[in-house]
Amino acid sequence: MPDVAKHPQPHLDTTLDWVGMEHIDIPILFDAGDGTLRRASAKVGAFVNLTRQDQRGIHMSRLYLLVDKYLGSRAIDAPMLASLLRAFLDSHHDLADRARIRIRFDHLVRRNALRSGNSGWRSYPVTIEASLDSAGFQLELGTEVVYSSTCPASAALSRQLIQQQFAKDFSTDKPLEHASVLAWLGSEAGIVATPHAQRSVAQLCVRFIEGAPLNLIDLLDRAEAALGTPVQTAVKREDEQAFALANGENLMFCEDAARRIYHALDADDSIADFHVRVEHQESLHPHDAVAFASKGASRFR
């Protein structure tokens, strides 16, 4: 059969950093750290570099068939991905010396309600990216946590307005009555101002030490516990009240959130390096507040 890729071309004078395919549809198996293999529909990118200036292209069909062979039947872990990337290079031994793969999918995790005893499913986006070259094998796991952030400055301003309203409603000339103050605190007059809060997103990308499992759930638990206000699934009134309390106990700017997550991830001995990006999607401004933090000197991706 004819192969036009072998025909001479006048512009064959450069190597290429990466060549391959994006958005390959593949069913994958993944254990998020709870011992349960779940199947998900993933989008995969598969690449090798092109070291030969005299060659027009790579063998993309070989990459596709290898992706289908490995990811379609075996659970994702570091040894399997390393083997897959070596197979990429073996299939292009005369063309490439670097390989990489990117796998994107959503993973469902069962989350308990704050107080009611109910539970519900949370979908977390997952990105797994692995590379193999002369420096060795590297693997990164990315995900994101959605949470509520209440502005500390707005909370302070709201407290001041409540104080002013209290001074207006209760004269210093009369002794305070416990029942009257309690009733006032439970009325709309007792909360004349509320701080602004917003849905916020923390994007995490970590590199585990060699031999550590891809423990997504532990990573999520660490980040959500550090923030204190992850979004909820099943919510009854007692859960909503507990969430309001959590917001009041965890006032934070985006800088605070980034530092909280930094310390939580830095305390995990299984994580070699990480990068964090937090975005507070402002309800006060039309723009967002963003902060970055990383363990290394710079972002490793």
Protein backbone atom coordinates (compact mmCIF):
# COMPACT_ATOMS: atom_id res chain seq x y z
CA MET A 1 0.00 0.00 0.00
CA PRO A 2 1.31 3.51 -0.72
CA ASP A 3 2.89 5.44 2.16
CA VAL A 4 3.12 9.15 1.33
CA ALA A 5 4.92 9.80 4.63
CA LYS A 6 8.06 8.35 3.01
CA HIS A 7 7.97 10.66 0.01
CA PRO A 8 10.71 13.33 -0.06
CA GLN A 9 9.64 16.79 1.11
CA PRO A 10 11.50 20.10 0.61
CA HIS A 11 10.87 21.32 4.18
CA LEU A 12 12.24 18.31 6.09
CA ASP A 13 14.91 20.25 7.96
CA THR A 14 13.85 20.39 11.61
CA THR A 15 13.12 18.09 14.51
CA LEU A 16 9.80 18.37 16.36
CA ASP A 17 9.28 18.63 20.12
CA TRP A 18 6.11 16.54 20.21
CA VAL A 19 3.91 14.76 17.71
CA GLY A 20 0.87 12.66 18.47
CA MET A 21 -2.86 12.72 19.13
CA GLU A 22 -5.20 14.47 21.55
CA HIS A 23 -8.70 13.60 22.79
CA ILE A 24 -8.49 9.85 22.22
CA ASP A 25 -11.59 8.25 23.75
CA ILE A 26 -10.60 5.39 26.05
CA PRO A 27 -12.33 3.62 28.97
CA ILE A 28 -9.94 3.52 31.92
CA LEU A 29 -9.76 1.78 35.30
CA PHE A 30 -8.64 3.82 38.29
CA ASP A 31 -8.29 3.20 42.02
CA ALA A 32 -8.52 6.59 43.74
CA GLY A 33 -7.08 5.22 46.96
CA ASP A 34 -10.04 3.42 48.53
CA GLY A 35 -9.24 0.03 47.00
CA THR A 36 -12.14 0.21 44.53
CA LEU A 37 -11.48 0.12 40.80
CA ARG A 38 -13.85 2.40 38.94
CA ARG A 39 -14.24 2.66 35.20
CA ALA A 40 -14.42 6.09 33.60
CA SER A 41 -14.48 7.56 30.12
CA ALA A 42 -11.19 9.37 29.53
CA LYS A 43 -9.67 11.68 26.95
CA VAL A 44 -6.07 10.77 26.24
CA GLY A 45 -3.20 12.59 24.59
CA ALA A 46 -0.28 10.43 23.37
CA PHE A 47 2.99 11.90 22.08
CA VAL A 48 6.59 11.22 21.12
CA ASN A 49 9.17 13.65 19.81
CA LEU A 50 10.56 13.45 16.27
CA THR A 51 14.36 13.43 16.25
CA ARG A 52 14.86 12.70 12.56
CA GLN A 53 14.98 15.73 10.29
CA ASP A 54 14.74 13.50 7.23
CA GLN A 55 11.47 11.86 8.32
CA ARG A 56 8.11 13.43 7.57
CA GLY A 57 6.21 12.07 10.56
CA ILE A 58 5.67 9.41 13.19
CA HIS A 59 3.50 6.27 13.27
CA MET A 60 0.39 7.60 14.99
CA SER A 61 -1.56 4.37 14.60
CA ARG A 62 1.07 2.61 16.72
CA LEU A 63 0.51 5.05 19.56
CA TYR A 64 -3.25 4.62 19.35
CA LEU A 65 -3.09 0.83 19.42
CA LEU A 66 -0.74 0.87 22.40
CA VAL A 67 -3.00 3.28 24.29
CA ASP A 68 -5.97 1.01 23.61
CA LYS A 69 -4.03 -2.11 24.63
CA TYR A 70 -2.71 -0.77 27.94
CA LEU A 71 -5.38 1.64 29.18
CA GLY A 72 -8.34 -0.38 27.99
CA SER A 73 -7.56 -3.40 30.14
CA ARG A 74 -5.19 -2.48 32.98
CA ALA A 75 -5.66 -0.23 36.02
CA ILE A 76 -3.74 3.03 35.88
CA ASP A 77 -0.67 3.16 38.09
CA ALA A 78 2.94 4.30 37.76
CA PRO A 79 4.45 0.95 36.60
CA MET A 80 1.80 0.50 33.90
CA LEU A 81 2.28 4.04 32.56
CA ALA A 82 6.06 3.61 32.54
CA SER A 83 5.65 0.41 30.53
CA LEU A 84 3.29 2.13 28.11
CA LEU A 85 5.73 4.98 27.48
CA ARG A 86 8.57 2.51 26.92
CA ALA A 87 6.33 0.79 24.38
CA PHE A 88 5.80 4.17 22.68
CA LEU A 89 9.56 4.55 22.31
CA ASP A 90 10.12 0.95 21.25
CA SER A 91 7.56 1.44 18.49
CA HIS A 92 9.49 4.54 17.36
CA HIS A 93 13.04 3.43 18.18
CA ASP A 94 14.43 5.05 15.05
CA LEU A 95 12.42 8.30 15.36
CA ALA A 96 11.99 9.34 19.00
CA ASP A 97 13.72 9.40 22.38
CA ARG A 98 11.00 11.06 24.49
CA ALA A 99 7.40 10.06 25.18
CA ARG A 100 4.51 11.47 27.16
CA ILE A 101 0.87 10.77 27.87
CA ARG A 102 -1.94 12.85 29.36
CA ILE A 103 -5.15 11.25 30.70
CA ARG A 104 -8.18 13.34 31.68
CA PHE A 105 -11.38 12.06 33.27
CA ASP A 106 -13.86 12.72 36.08
CA HIS A 107 -13.87 10.56 39.20
CA LEU A 108 -16.85 10.20 41.54
CA VAL A 109 -16.22 10.17 45.29
CA ARG A 110 -18.87 9.56 47.95
CA ARG A 111 -18.93 12.43 50.44
CA ASN A 112 -20.73 12.50 53.81
CA ALA A 113 -22.99 15.36 54.82
CA LEU A 114 -21.76 17.57 57.67
CA ARG A 115 -24.35 16.55 60.27
CA SER A 116 -27.42 14.79 58.89
CA GLY A 117 -25.86 11.39 58.23
CA ASN A 118 -26.68 11.58 54.52
CA SER A 119 -24.16 11.39 51.71
CA GLY A 120 -23.84 12.14 48.02
CA TRP A 121 -21.50 11.91 45.05
CA ARG A 122 -18.92 14.55 44.16
CA SER A 123 -17.29 14.53 40.75
CA TYR A 124 -13.64 15.59 40.71
CA PRO A 125 -11.69 16.28 37.49
CA VAL A 126 -8.48 14.26 37.26
CA THR A 127 -5.45 14.75 35.04
CA ILE A 128 -2.64 12.21 35.00
CA GLU A 129 0.44 13.16 33.01
CA ALA A 130 3.52 10.98 32.61
CA SER A 131 6.73 11.37 30.61
CA LEU A 132 9.77 9.25 29.84
CA ASP A 133 13.10 10.52 28.52
CA SER A 134 16.82 10.29 29.23
CA ALA A 135 16.23 11.83 32.67
CA GLY A 136 13.86 9.01 33.59
CA PHE A 137 10.16 8.57 34.30
CA GLN A 138 8.04 11.34 35.83
CA LEU A 139 4.40 11.25 36.87
CA GLU A 140 2.02 14.03 37.94
CA LEU A 141 -1.53 13.93 39.29
CA GLY A 142 -3.81 16.94 38.98
CA THR A 143 -7.26 17.67 40.38
CA GLU A 144 -9.30 20.51 41.84
CA VAL A 145 -11.30 21.28 44.96
CA VAL A 146 -14.31 23.59 44.97
CA TYR A 147 -14.97 25.44 48.22
CA SER A 148 -16.57 28.53 49.75
CA SER A 149 -14.47 31.51 50.78
CA THR A 150 -15.77 34.28 53.04
CA CYS A 151 -13.86 37.55 52.91
CA PRO A 152 -12.20 38.52 56.25
CA ALA A 153 -12.33 42.23 55.44
CA SER A 154 -16.01 42.09 54.58
CA ALA A 155 -16.66 40.12 57.79
CA ALA A 156 -14.95 42.82 59.86
CA LEU A 157 -16.96 45.56 58.17
CA SER A 158 -20.18 43.60 58.74
CA ARG A 159 -19.38 43.16 62.44
CA GLN A 160 -18.85 46.91 62.73
CA LEU A 161 -22.28 47.61 61.23
CA ILE A 162 -23.86 45.11 63.62
CA GLN A 163 -22.15 46.85 66.53
CA GLN A 164 -23.49 50.19 65.33
CA GLN A 165 -27.00 48.79 65.01
CA PHE A 166 -26.74 47.29 68.50
CA ALA A 167 -25.69 50.67 69.94
CA LYS A 168 -28.66 52.28 68.19
CA ASP A 169 -31.22 49.71 69.35
CA PHE A 170 -30.03 49.39 72.95
CA SER A 171 -29.65 52.58 74.95
CA THR A 172 -26.80 52.87 77.42
CA ASP A 173 -29.27 54.48 79.84
CA LYS A 174 -31.12 51.22 80.43
CA PRO A 175 -29.78 47.92 81.74
CA LEU A 176 -29.54 45.16 79.16
CA GLU A 177 -32.07 42.39 79.45
CA HIS A 178 -30.83 38.96 78.43
CA ALA A 179 -34.13 38.00 76.76
CA SER A 180 -34.25 41.23 74.74
CA VAL A 181 -30.67 40.88 73.50
CA LEU A 182 -31.23 37.20 72.64
CA ALA A 183 -34.38 38.06 70.68
CA TRP A 184 -32.53 40.89 68.88
CA LEU A 185 -29.71 38.56 67.87
CA GLY A 186 -32.24 36.19 66.33
CA SER A 187 -33.97 38.92 64.33
CA GLU A 188 -33.11 40.52 61.00
CA ALA A 189 -32.19 43.67 62.91
CA GLY A 190 -29.44 41.75 64.66
CA ILE A 191 -27.70 40.90 61.40
CA VAL A 192 -27.95 44.07 59.34
CA ALA A 193 -24.91 43.14 57.25
CA THR A 194 -23.35 39.88 56.03
CA PRO A 195 -19.86 39.37 54.59
CA HIS A 196 -19.56 38.43 50.95
CA ALA A 197 -18.60 34.86 50.12
CA GLN A 198 -17.99 33.16 46.82
CA ARG A 199 -17.47 29.80 45.20
CA SER A 200 -13.75 29.21 44.91
CA VAL A 201 -11.53 26.68 43.15
CA ALA A 202 -8.18 25.22 44.16
CA GLN A 203 -6.27 23.49 41.38
CA LEU A 204 -3.68 21.01 42.60
CA CYS A 205 -0.88 19.31 40.71
CA VAL A 206 1.41 16.96 42.62
CA ARG A 207 4.35 14.72 41.89
CA PHE A 208 4.56 11.72 44.19
CA ILE A 209 7.79 10.11 45.34
CA GLU A 210 8.85 6.97 43.51
CA GLY A 211 6.71 4.01 44.49
CA ALA A 212 3.90 6.02 46.06
CA PRO A 213 0.36 5.22 44.85
CA LEU A 214 -1.82 7.71 43.01
CA ASN A 215 -3.93 8.39 46.08
CA LEU A 216 -6.46 10.90 44.83
CA ILE A 217 -8.81 10.64 47.81
CA ASP A 218 -6.07 11.33 50.35
CA LEU A 219 -4.99 14.37 48.32
CA LEU A 220 -8.58 15.67 48.22
CA ASP A 221 -9.08 15.01 51.92
CA ARG A 222 -5.94 16.93 52.83
CA ALA A 223 -6.87 19.96 50.74
CA GLU A 224 -10.53 20.04 51.82
CA ALA A 225 -9.65 19.66 55.51
CA ALA A 226 -7.13 22.49 55.23
CA LEU A 227 -9.72 24.80 53.67
CA GLY A 228 -12.57 23.78 55.96
CA THR A 229 -15.37 24.76 53.56
CA PRO A 230 -15.56 22.32 50.62
CA VAL A 231 -18.88 22.39 48.74
CA GLN A 232 -21.44 19.84 49.88
CA THR A 233 -23.64 17.21 48.23
CA ALA A 234 -26.64 16.14 50.33
CA VAL A 235 -27.74 19.13 52.43
CA LYS A 236 -30.49 19.26 55.07
CA ARG A 237 -31.03 22.32 57.28
CA GLU A 238 -28.64 21.04 59.94
CA ASP A 239 -25.98 20.57 57.25
CA GLU A 240 -26.52 24.08 55.91
CA GLN A 241 -26.20 25.49 59.42
CA ALA A 242 -22.96 23.55 59.92
CA PHE A 243 -21.69 24.92 56.61
CA ALA A 244 -22.50 28.49 57.71
CA LEU A 245 -20.54 27.84 60.90
CA ALA A 246 -17.60 26.46 58.91
CA ASN A 247 -17.57 29.60 56.76
CA GLY A 248 -17.53 31.80 59.86
CA GLU A 249 -14.66 29.80 61.33
CA ASN A 250 -12.64 29.84 58.11
CA LEU A 251 -12.56 33.41 56.86
CA MET A 252 -9.91 33.58 54.15
CA PHE A 253 -8.38 35.62 51.38
CA CYS A 254 -7.02 33.74 48.38
CA GLU A 255 -3.54 34.12 49.90
CA ASP A 256 -4.74 32.37 53.06
CA ALA A 257 -6.24 29.52 51.07
CA ALA A 258 -3.05 29.01 49.06
CA ARG A 259 -0.95 28.88 52.22
CA ARG A 260 -3.34 26.46 53.93
CA ILE A 261 -3.09 24.02 51.06
CA TYR A 262 0.67 24.52 50.78
CA HIS A 263 1.21 23.45 54.39
CA ALA A 264 -1.19 20.52 54.07
CA LEU A 265 0.60 19.13 51.01
CA ASP A 266 4.07 19.90 52.32
CA ALA A 267 3.31 17.75 55.37
CA ASP A 268 2.67 14.70 53.15
CA ASP A 269 5.89 12.69 52.85
CA SER A 270 4.57 10.87 49.78
CA ILE A 271 4.50 14.12 47.76
CA ALA A 272 7.82 15.13 46.22
CA ASP A 273 6.68 18.38 44.62
CA PHE A 274 3.48 20.28 43.98
CA HIS A 275 1.89 23.35 42.46
CA VAL A 276 -1.27 25.07 43.73
CA ARG A 277 -3.48 27.69 42.11
CA VAL A 278 -6.48 29.11 43.98
CA GLU A 279 -9.15 31.31 42.44
CA HIS A 280 -11.79 33.15 44.44
CA GLN A 281 -14.57 33.96 41.99
CA GLU A 282 -15.51 37.28 43.53
CA SER A 283 -19.07 38.29 44.34
CA LEU A 284 -17.92 41.86 45.10
CA HIS A 285 -15.86 42.44 41.94
CA PRO A 286 -16.36 41.42 38.31
CA HIS A 287 -12.80 40.06 38.39
CA ASP A 288 -11.35 37.19 40.42
CA ALA A 289 -8.67 36.97 43.10
CA VAL A 290 -5.90 34.42 42.40
CA ALA A 291 -2.88 33.09 44.28
CA PHE A 292 -0.19 30.53 43.41
CA ALA A 293 2.12 28.43 45.57
CA SER A 294 4.62 25.66 44.81
CA LYS A 295 7.06 23.53 46.73
CA GLY A 296 9.87 23.83 44.20
CA ALA A 297 11.63 26.98 43.04
CA SER A 298 9.19 27.25 40.14
CA ARG A 299 6.28 25.44 38.60
CA PHE A 300 7.47 22.04 37.49
CA ARG A 301 4.96 21.52 34.71
